[in-house]
Amino acid sequence: MLNKLSPQPGSKKNRKRVGRGSGSTGKTSGKGHKGQNSRTGGGVSPWFEGGQTPLKMRTPKRGFTSRNKLVFDLIQVKDLSKFSEGDTVTPAELIKAGLASGKKPIKILANGDMPFALTIKADAFSKGAIIKIEEKGGKAEAI
């Protein structure tokens, strides 16, 4: 049974044998005479647009992104309720509590209400956060 199987007529096609004599596509192997595309490794790169101004140069450029931008781990004042009243909160404790990654400097923001008085040590504070912390009798210390 299996020995009688054969492909459908016309489904198998012989591959083109280029550069094998003058009978079919010998000599120039279908590449024509001379020129960039007839040479080994010839042709242009896929993004070459024939000498016109490339797309990446035609599109407008806007703005500026600084390489030296300071990116903070942001912590809201309301998230400090994880600590108990009167504690001194340091960056190490914020990392331990899962509020900061430890890879970036820490900034405290004024979103929410301060639960109670805390002494907080961080790299930066927003103006609103300092006001909220000091209203409750706490301290905001920049490191």
C-alpha atoms as a PDB file:
ATOM      1  CA  MET A   1       0.000   0.000   0.000  1.00  0.00           C
ATOM      2  CA  LEU A   2       2.662   2.531   1.047  1.00  0.00           C
ATOM      3  CA  ASN A   3       4.894   1.520  -1.847  1.00  0.00           C
ATOM      4  CA  LYS A   4       2.224   2.683  -4.318  1.00  0.00           C
ATOM      5  CA  LEU A   5       1.997   6.248  -2.938  1.00  0.00           C
ATOM      6  CA  SER A   6       3.282   9.017  -5.188  1.00  0.00           C
ATOM      7  CA  PRO A   7       2.894  12.806  -5.266  1.00  0.00           C
ATOM      8  CA  GLN A   8       0.138  14.430  -7.292  1.00  0.00           C
ATOM      9  CA  PRO A   9       1.117  15.176 -10.894  1.00  0.00           C
ATOM     10  CA  GLY A  10       2.512  18.716 -11.131  1.00  0.00           C
ATOM     11  CA  SER A  11       3.078  19.106  -7.384  1.00  0.00           C
ATOM     12  CA  LYS A  12       6.816  18.368  -7.546  1.00  0.00           C
ATOM     13  CA  LYS A  13       8.872  20.793  -9.605  1.00  0.00           C
ATOM     14  CA  ASN A  14      12.552  20.465 -10.485  1.00  0.00           C
ATOM     15  CA  ARG A  15      14.687  23.256  -9.032  1.00  0.00           C
ATOM     16  CA  LYS A  16      16.338  25.730 -11.389  1.00  0.00           C
ATOM     17  CA  ARG A  17      19.986  24.760 -11.951  1.00  0.00           C
ATOM     18  CA  VAL A  18      21.740  28.031 -12.659  1.00  0.00           C
ATOM     19  CA  GLY A  19      25.277  28.446 -13.940  1.00  0.00           C
ATOM     20  CA  ARG A  20      25.537  24.962 -15.457  1.00  0.00           C
ATOM     21  CA  GLY A  21      26.324  25.595 -19.118  1.00  0.00           C
ATOM     22  CA  SER A  22      24.794  27.581 -21.927  1.00  0.00           C
ATOM     23  CA  GLY A  23      21.696  25.389 -22.332  1.00  0.00           C
ATOM     24  CA  SER A  24      19.320  27.254 -20.035  1.00  0.00           C
ATOM     25  CA  THR A  25      20.415  29.809 -17.453  1.00  0.00           C
ATOM     26  CA  GLY A  26      24.132  29.240 -17.790  1.00  0.00           C
ATOM     27  CA  LYS A  27      26.808  31.894 -18.154  1.00  0.00           C
ATOM     28  CA  THR A  28      25.214  34.871 -16.340  1.00  0.00           C
ATOM     29  CA  SER A  29      22.835  32.679 -14.260  1.00  0.00           C
ATOM     30  CA  GLY A  30      19.844  34.893 -14.948  1.00  0.00           C
ATOM     31  CA  LYS A  31      21.532  38.010 -13.557  1.00  0.00           C
ATOM     32  CA  GLY A  32      22.148  39.840 -16.812  1.00  0.00           C
ATOM     33  CA  HIS A  33      25.406  41.485 -17.837  1.00  0.00           C
ATOM     34  CA  LYS A  34      27.558  43.551 -15.461  1.00  0.00           C
ATOM     35  CA  GLY A  35      26.214  45.904 -12.847  1.00  0.00           C
ATOM     36  CA  GLN A  36      25.811  45.842  -9.088  1.00  0.00           C
ATOM     37  CA  ASN A  37      23.213  43.082  -8.972  1.00  0.00           C
ATOM     38  CA  SER A  38      25.256  40.697 -11.120  1.00  0.00           C
ATOM     39  CA  ARG A  39      28.122  40.646  -8.625  1.00  0.00           C
ATOM     40  CA  THR A  40      28.505  38.388  -5.628  1.00  0.00           C
ATOM     41  CA  GLY A  41      27.076  40.140  -2.609  1.00  0.00           C
ATOM     42  CA  GLY A  42      25.634  42.779  -4.914  1.00  0.00           C
ATOM     43  CA  GLY A  43      22.418  44.686  -4.469  1.00  0.00           C
ATOM     44  CA  VAL A  44      21.325  47.407  -2.105  1.00  0.00           C
ATOM     45  CA  SER A  45      20.255  47.134   1.508  1.00  0.00           C
ATOM     46  CA  PRO A  46      16.515  46.660   2.165  1.00  0.00           C
ATOM     47  CA  TRP A  47      16.194  50.180   3.641  1.00  0.00           C
ATOM     48  CA  PHE A  48      17.875  51.921   0.685  1.00  0.00           C
ATOM     49  CA  GLU A  49      15.330  54.100  -1.126  1.00  0.00           C
ATOM     50  CA  GLY A  50      17.072  54.656  -4.428  1.00  0.00           C
ATOM     51  CA  GLY A  51      18.892  57.835  -3.462  1.00  0.00           C
ATOM     52  CA  GLN A  52      15.842  59.785  -2.255  1.00  0.00           C
ATOM     53  CA  THR A  53      15.877  61.131   1.281  1.00  0.00           C
ATOM     54  CA  PRO A  54      15.183  58.144   3.552  1.00  0.00           C
ATOM     55  CA  LEU A  55      12.008  57.954   5.634  1.00  0.00           C
ATOM     56  CA  LYS A  56      13.888  58.229   8.936  1.00  0.00           C
ATOM     57  CA  MET A  57      15.344  61.554   7.775  1.00  0.00           C
ATOM     58  CA  ARG A  58      12.059  62.872   6.326  1.00  0.00           C
ATOM     59  CA  THR A  59      10.064  62.436   9.537  1.00  0.00           C
ATOM     60  CA  PRO A  60      10.032  65.487  11.826  1.00  0.00           C
ATOM     61  CA  LYS A  61      12.038  65.373  15.028  1.00  0.00           C
ATOM     62  CA  ARG A  62      10.626  67.044  18.131  1.00  0.00           C
ATOM     63  CA  GLY A  63      11.623  67.550  21.708  1.00  0.00           C
ATOM     64  CA  PHE A  64      14.576  66.457  23.733  1.00  0.00           C
ATOM     65  CA  THR A  65      15.140  63.582  26.152  1.00  0.00           C
ATOM     66  CA  SER A  66      17.849  64.127  28.710  1.00  0.00           C
ATOM     67  CA  ARG A  67      20.163  61.203  29.411  1.00  0.00           C
ATOM     68  CA  ASN A  68      20.771  62.550  32.903  1.00  0.00           C
ATOM     69  CA  LYS A  69      17.129  62.736  34.003  1.00  0.00           C
ATOM     70  CA  LEU A  70      16.706  61.837  37.660  1.00  0.00           C
ATOM     71  CA  VAL A  71      14.016  59.165  38.091  1.00  0.00           C
ATOM     72  CA  PHE A  72      12.647  58.570  41.596  1.00  0.00           C
ATOM     73  CA  ASP A  73      10.837  55.751  43.378  1.00  0.00           C
ATOM     74  CA  LEU A  74       7.623  57.597  44.270  1.00  0.00           C
ATOM     75  CA  ILE A  75       5.934  56.936  47.617  1.00  0.00           C
ATOM     76  CA  GLN A  76       2.636  58.513  48.655  1.00  0.00           C
ATOM     77  CA  VAL A  77       2.128  59.894  52.180  1.00  0.00           C
ATOM     78  CA  LYS A  78      -0.911  57.599  52.654  1.00  0.00           C
ATOM     79  CA  ASP A  79       1.314  54.511  52.120  1.00  0.00           C
ATOM     80  CA  LEU A  80       3.309  55.335  55.257  1.00  0.00           C
ATOM     81  CA  SER A  81       0.487  53.882  57.401  1.00  0.00           C
ATOM     82  CA  LYS A  82       2.415  50.564  57.281  1.00  0.00           C
ATOM     83  CA  PHE A  83       4.696  51.955  59.975  1.00  0.00           C
ATOM     84  CA  SER A  84       3.758  52.558  63.621  1.00  0.00           C
ATOM     85  CA  GLU A  85       3.468  56.001  65.234  1.00  0.00           C
ATOM     86  CA  GLY A  86       6.721  57.742  66.180  1.00  0.00           C
ATOM     87  CA  ASP A  87       8.933  55.522  63.984  1.00  0.00           C
ATOM     88  CA  THR A  88      11.926  56.827  62.079  1.00  0.00           C
ATOM     89  CA  VAL A  89      11.410  55.680  58.485  1.00  0.00           C
ATOM     90  CA  THR A  90      14.644  55.256  56.509  1.00  0.00           C
ATOM     91  CA  PRO A  91      15.123  54.189  52.881  1.00  0.00           C
ATOM     92  CA  ALA A  92      16.173  50.706  54.078  1.00  0.00           C
ATOM     93  CA  GLU A  93      12.849  50.292  55.909  1.00  0.00           C
ATOM     94  CA  LEU A  94      10.900  51.530  52.864  1.00  0.00           C
ATOM     95  CA  ILE A  95      12.651  48.896  50.745  1.00  0.00           C
ATOM     96  CA  LYS A  96      11.939  46.204  53.344  1.00  0.00           C
ATOM     97  CA  ALA A  97       8.257  47.224  53.402  1.00  0.00           C
ATOM     98  CA  GLY A  98       8.099  46.842  49.601  1.00  0.00           C
ATOM     99  CA  LEU A  99       7.397  50.529  48.935  1.00  0.00           C
ATOM    100  CA  ALA A 100      10.696  51.205  47.117  1.00  0.00           C
ATOM    101  CA  SER A 101      12.920  49.164  44.819  1.00  0.00           C
ATOM    102  CA  GLY A 102      16.244  50.374  46.204  1.00  0.00           C
ATOM    103  CA  LYS A 103      17.593  51.036  42.720  1.00  0.00           C
ATOM    104  CA  LYS A 104      16.459  54.672  42.507  1.00  0.00           C
ATOM    105  CA  PRO A 105      16.377  57.595  44.918  1.00  0.00           C
ATOM    106  CA  ILE A 106      13.174  57.934  46.954  1.00  0.00           C
ATOM    107  CA  LYS A 107      10.730  60.845  46.785  1.00  0.00           C
ATOM    108  CA  ILE A 108       7.727  61.288  49.096  1.00  0.00           C
ATOM    109  CA  LEU A 109       4.602  62.776  47.494  1.00  0.00           C
ATOM    110  CA  ALA A 110       1.555  64.381  49.168  1.00  0.00           C
ATOM    111  CA  ASN A 111      -1.193  62.064  47.888  1.00  0.00           C
ATOM    112  CA  GLY A 112      -3.580  61.060  50.698  1.00  0.00           C
ATOM    113  CA  ASP A 113      -3.505  61.901  54.402  1.00  0.00           C
ATOM    114  CA  MET A 114      -0.650  61.393  56.803  1.00  0.00           C
ATOM    115  CA  PRO A 115      -1.818  58.758  59.337  1.00  0.00           C
ATOM    116  CA  PHE A 116       0.289  59.937  62.322  1.00  0.00           C
ATOM    117  CA  ALA A 117       3.604  61.579  63.287  1.00  0.00           C
ATOM    118  CA  LEU A 118       6.664  59.976  61.686  1.00  0.00           C
ATOM    119  CA  THR A 119      10.256  61.000  61.116  1.00  0.00           C
ATOM    120  CA  ILE A 120      10.917  60.279  57.456  1.00  0.00           C
ATOM    121  CA  LYS A 121      14.336  60.226  55.822  1.00  0.00           C
ATOM    122  CA  ALA A 122      14.266  60.260  52.011  1.00  0.00           C
ATOM    123  CA  ASP A 123      16.122  61.741  49.058  1.00  0.00           C
ATOM    124  CA  ALA A 124      13.399  64.240  48.155  1.00  0.00           C
ATOM    125  CA  PHE A 125       9.990  65.510  49.286  1.00  0.00           C
ATOM    126  CA  SER A 126       7.281  67.437  47.496  1.00  0.00           C
ATOM    127  CA  LYS A 127       6.241  70.748  49.130  1.00  0.00           C
ATOM    128  CA  GLY A 128       2.798  69.338  49.900  1.00  0.00           C
ATOM    129  CA  ALA A 129       4.295  66.233  51.525  1.00  0.00           C
ATOM    130  CA  ILE A 130       6.470  68.327  53.846  1.00  0.00           C
ATOM    131  CA  ILE A 131       3.413  70.338  54.908  1.00  0.00           C
ATOM    132  CA  LYS A 132       1.338  67.195  55.600  1.00  0.00           C
ATOM    133  CA  ILE A 133       4.146  65.506  57.558  1.00  0.00           C
ATOM    134  CA  GLU A 134       4.800  68.581  59.725  1.00  0.00           C
ATOM    135  CA  GLU A 135       1.049  69.156  60.354  1.00  0.00           C
ATOM    136  CA  LYS A 136       0.910  65.786  62.129  1.00  0.00           C
ATOM    137  CA  GLY A 137       4.017  66.659  64.186  1.00  0.00           C
ATOM    138  CA  GLY A 138       6.473  64.572  62.157  1.00  0.00           C
ATOM    139  CA  LYS A 139       9.767  65.469  60.501  1.00  0.00           C
ATOM    140  CA  ALA A 140      10.842  65.334  56.852  1.00  0.00           C
ATOM    141  CA  GLU A 141      14.608  64.942  56.570  1.00  0.00           C
ATOM    142  CA  ALA A 142      16.304  65.053  53.180  1.00  0.00           C
ATOM    143  CA  ILE A 143      19.304  62.764  52.955  1.00  0.00           C
END
